[in-house]
Amino acid sequence: DEEEEEEEEEEEEEEEEEEEEEEEEEEEGEEEEEEEEEEEEEEEEEEEEEEEEEEEEEVECHQKYKLQ
């Protein structure tokens, strides 16, 4: 009986450890996803800024032609 109880306790401990590891992996995965999302947002913002600058340059060019 004692051996059976010990085996059951060991199995429970192993299951708990596995669950903890899975939780840690999930947390790490979520952190990576958040970082990727932030990087994508930054890239999109940079692209938008570049587009705005290009539009401004085009407008300036048109204004120069109008002035000439």
N, C-alpha and C. Protein backbone atom coordinates (compact mmCIF):
# COMPACT_ATOMS: atom_id res chain seq x y z
N ASP A 1 0.84 -1.21 0.00
CA ASP A 1 0.00 0.00 0.00
C ASP A 1 0.87 1.25 0.00
N GLU A 2 1.90 1.23 0.86
CA GLU A 2 2.75 2.42 0.92
C GLU A 2 3.43 2.69 -0.41
N GLU A 3 3.87 1.61 -1.06
CA GLU A 3 4.52 1.78 -2.37
C GLU A 3 3.54 2.38 -3.38
N GLU A 4 2.31 1.89 -3.36
CA GLU A 4 1.30 2.42 -4.27
C GLU A 4 1.08 3.90 -4.01
N GLU A 5 0.98 4.28 -2.75
CA GLU A 5 0.77 5.68 -2.41
C GLU A 5 1.94 6.52 -2.90
N GLU A 6 3.15 6.01 -2.70
CA GLU A 6 4.33 6.75 -3.16
C GLU A 6 4.31 6.92 -4.68
N GLU A 7 3.95 5.86 -5.38
CA GLU A 7 3.89 5.93 -6.84
C GLU A 7 2.85 6.96 -7.28
N GLU A 8 1.71 6.95 -6.63
CA GLU A 8 0.66 7.91 -6.97
C GLU A 8 1.14 9.33 -6.73
N GLU A 9 1.81 9.53 -5.60
CA GLU A 9 2.32 10.87 -5.30
C GLU A 9 3.33 11.31 -6.35
N GLU A 10 4.20 10.41 -6.74
CA GLU A 10 5.19 10.74 -7.76
C GLU A 10 4.51 11.09 -9.07
N GLU A 11 3.51 10.32 -9.43
CA GLU A 11 2.79 10.60 -10.68
C GLU A 11 2.13 11.97 -10.61
N GLU A 12 1.53 12.29 -9.48
CA GLU A 12 0.89 13.59 -9.32
C GLU A 12 1.92 14.71 -9.45
N GLU A 13 3.06 14.52 -8.81
CA GLU A 13 4.11 15.54 -8.90
C GLU A 13 4.57 15.72 -10.34
N GLU A 14 4.74 14.63 -11.04
CA GLU A 14 5.17 14.71 -12.44
C GLU A 14 4.12 15.45 -13.27
N GLU A 15 2.85 15.15 -13.03
CA GLU A 15 1.80 15.83 -13.78
C GLU A 15 1.81 17.33 -13.49
N GLU A 16 2.00 17.67 -12.21
CA GLU A 16 2.05 19.09 -11.85
C GLU A 16 3.22 19.78 -12.55
N GLU A 17 4.37 19.11 -12.56
CA GLU A 17 5.54 19.70 -13.22
C GLU A 17 5.27 19.90 -14.70
N GLU A 18 4.65 18.91 -15.34
CA GLU A 18 4.35 19.04 -16.76
C GLU A 18 3.41 20.21 -17.01
N GLU A 19 2.40 20.34 -16.15
CA GLU A 19 1.46 21.45 -16.31
C GLU A 19 2.19 22.79 -16.17
N GLU A 20 3.08 22.88 -15.19
CA GLU A 20 3.83 24.13 -15.00
C GLU A 20 4.67 24.44 -16.23
N GLU A 21 5.32 23.42 -16.77
CA GLU A 21 6.14 23.63 -17.97
C GLU A 21 5.28 24.10 -19.13
N GLU A 22 4.11 23.49 -19.29
CA GLU A 22 3.22 23.90 -20.37
C GLU A 22 2.80 25.36 -20.20
N GLU A 23 2.48 25.74 -18.96
CA GLU A 23 2.09 27.12 -18.71
C GLU A 23 3.23 28.07 -19.06
N GLU A 24 4.44 27.71 -18.66
CA GLU A 24 5.59 28.56 -18.97
C GLU A 24 5.77 28.70 -20.47
N GLU A 25 5.62 27.60 -21.19
CA GLU A 25 5.77 27.65 -22.64
C GLU A 25 4.70 28.54 -23.25
N GLU A 26 3.48 28.44 -22.74
CA GLU A 26 2.41 29.28 -23.26
C GLU A 26 2.73 30.75 -23.02
N GLU A 27 3.21 31.08 -21.82
CA GLU A 27 3.55 32.46 -21.51
C GLU A 27 4.64 32.97 -22.44
N GLU A 28 5.66 32.14 -22.66
CA GLU A 28 6.74 32.55 -23.56
C GLU A 28 6.20 32.78 -24.97
N GLY A 29 5.33 31.90 -25.41
CA GLY A 29 4.74 32.05 -26.73
C GLY A 29 3.95 33.35 -26.84
N GLU A 30 3.20 33.68 -25.80
CA GLU A 30 2.42 34.92 -25.81
C GLU A 30 3.34 36.13 -25.86
N GLU A 31 4.44 36.08 -25.11
CA GLU A 31 5.38 37.20 -25.12
C GLU A 31 5.96 37.38 -26.52
N GLU A 32 6.32 36.28 -27.16
CA GLU A 32 6.87 36.38 -28.51
C GLU A 32 5.85 36.97 -29.47
N GLU A 33 4.59 36.54 -29.34
CA GLU A 33 3.55 37.08 -30.21
C GLU A 33 3.41 38.58 -30.01
N GLU A 34 3.42 39.01 -28.74
CA GLU A 34 3.30 40.44 -28.47
C GLU A 34 4.45 41.21 -29.09
N GLU A 35 5.66 40.68 -28.97
CA GLU A 35 6.82 41.35 -29.55
C GLU A 35 6.67 41.44 -31.06
N GLU A 36 6.23 40.37 -31.68
CA GLU A 36 6.05 40.38 -33.13
C GLU A 36 5.00 41.42 -33.54
N GLU A 37 3.91 41.47 -32.78
CA GLU A 37 2.87 42.45 -33.10
C GLU A 37 3.41 43.86 -32.99
N GLU A 38 4.20 44.12 -31.93
CA GLU A 38 4.77 45.45 -31.76
C GLU A 38 5.68 45.79 -32.93
N GLU A 39 6.49 44.84 -33.35
CA GLU A 39 7.40 45.09 -34.47
C GLU A 39 6.60 45.39 -35.74
N GLU A 40 5.53 44.63 -35.97
CA GLU A 40 4.71 44.87 -37.16
C GLU A 40 4.10 46.26 -37.11
N GLU A 41 3.60 46.66 -35.94
CA GLU A 41 3.01 47.99 -35.81
C GLU A 41 4.05 49.06 -36.11
N GLU A 42 5.26 48.89 -35.57
CA GLU A 42 6.31 49.87 -35.82
C GLU A 42 6.62 49.96 -37.31
N GLU A 43 6.70 48.82 -37.97
CA GLU A 43 6.99 48.82 -39.41
C GLU A 43 5.87 49.54 -40.17
N GLU A 44 4.63 49.28 -39.79
CA GLU A 44 3.51 49.94 -40.47
C GLU A 44 3.59 51.45 -40.27
N GLU A 45 3.90 51.88 -39.04
CA GLU A 45 4.01 53.31 -38.78
C GLU A 45 5.11 53.92 -39.63
N GLU A 46 6.25 53.23 -39.73
CA GLU A 46 7.35 53.75 -40.54
C GLU A 46 6.93 53.87 -42.00
N GLU A 47 6.22 52.86 -42.50
CA GLU A 47 5.77 52.91 -43.89
C GLU A 47 4.82 54.08 -44.10
N GLU A 48 3.91 54.29 -43.16
CA GLU A 48 2.97 55.40 -43.28
C GLU A 48 3.72 56.73 -43.30
N GLU A 49 4.72 56.86 -42.41
CA GLU A 49 5.49 58.10 -42.37
C GLU A 49 6.21 58.32 -43.70
N GLU A 50 6.78 57.27 -44.26
CA GLU A 50 7.47 57.39 -45.54
C GLU A 50 6.49 57.82 -46.63
N GLU A 51 5.30 57.22 -46.63
CA GLU A 51 4.30 57.59 -47.64
C GLU A 51 3.92 59.06 -47.50
N GLU A 52 3.73 59.51 -46.25
CA GLU A 52 3.38 60.90 -46.02
C GLU A 52 4.48 61.82 -46.53
N GLU A 53 5.74 61.46 -46.25
CA GLU A 53 6.85 62.28 -46.71
C GLU A 53 6.87 62.34 -48.24
N GLU A 54 6.64 61.20 -48.88
CA GLU A 54 6.64 61.18 -50.35
C GLU A 54 5.52 62.07 -50.88
N GLU A 55 4.35 62.01 -50.25
CA GLU A 55 3.23 62.84 -50.70
C GLU A 55 3.59 64.32 -50.53
N GLU A 56 4.20 64.65 -49.39
CA GLU A 56 4.59 66.04 -49.17
C GLU A 56 5.57 66.50 -50.23
N GLU A 57 6.54 65.64 -50.58
CA GLU A 57 7.52 66.00 -51.60
C GLU A 57 6.83 66.23 -52.94
N GLU A 58 5.86 65.36 -53.27
CA GLU A 58 5.14 65.51 -54.52
C GLU A 58 4.40 66.85 -54.54
N VAL A 59 3.76 67.18 -53.42
CA VAL A 59 3.02 68.43 -53.34
C VAL A 59 3.99 69.59 -53.53
N GLU A 60 5.15 69.51 -52.88
CA GLU A 60 6.13 70.58 -53.01
C GLU A 60 6.58 70.72 -54.46
N CYS A 61 6.81 69.60 -55.13
CA CYS A 61 7.23 69.65 -56.52
C CYS A 61 6.16 70.32 -57.37
N HIS A 62 4.90 69.95 -57.16
CA HIS A 62 3.80 70.55 -57.93
C HIS A 62 3.74 72.05 -57.68
N GLN A 63 3.94 72.45 -56.44
CA GLN A 63 3.88 73.88 -56.12
C GLN A 63 5.02 74.62 -56.82
N LYS A 64 6.20 74.01 -56.87
CA LYS A 64 7.33 74.65 -57.53
C LYS A 64 7.02 74.83 -59.01
N TYR A 65 6.43 73.80 -59.65
CA TYR A 65 6.11 73.92 -61.06
C TYR A 65 5.09 75.02 -61.29
N LYS A 66 4.13 75.14 -60.37
CA LYS A 66 3.10 76.17 -60.51
C LYS A 66 3.74 77.55 -60.41
N LEU A 67 4.72 77.67 -59.53
CA LEU A 67 5.35 78.98 -59.33
C LEU A 67 6.18 79.38 -60.55
N GLN A 68 6.77 78.41 -61.22
CA GLN A 68 7.65 78.76 -62.35
C GLN A 68 6.87 79.29 -63.53
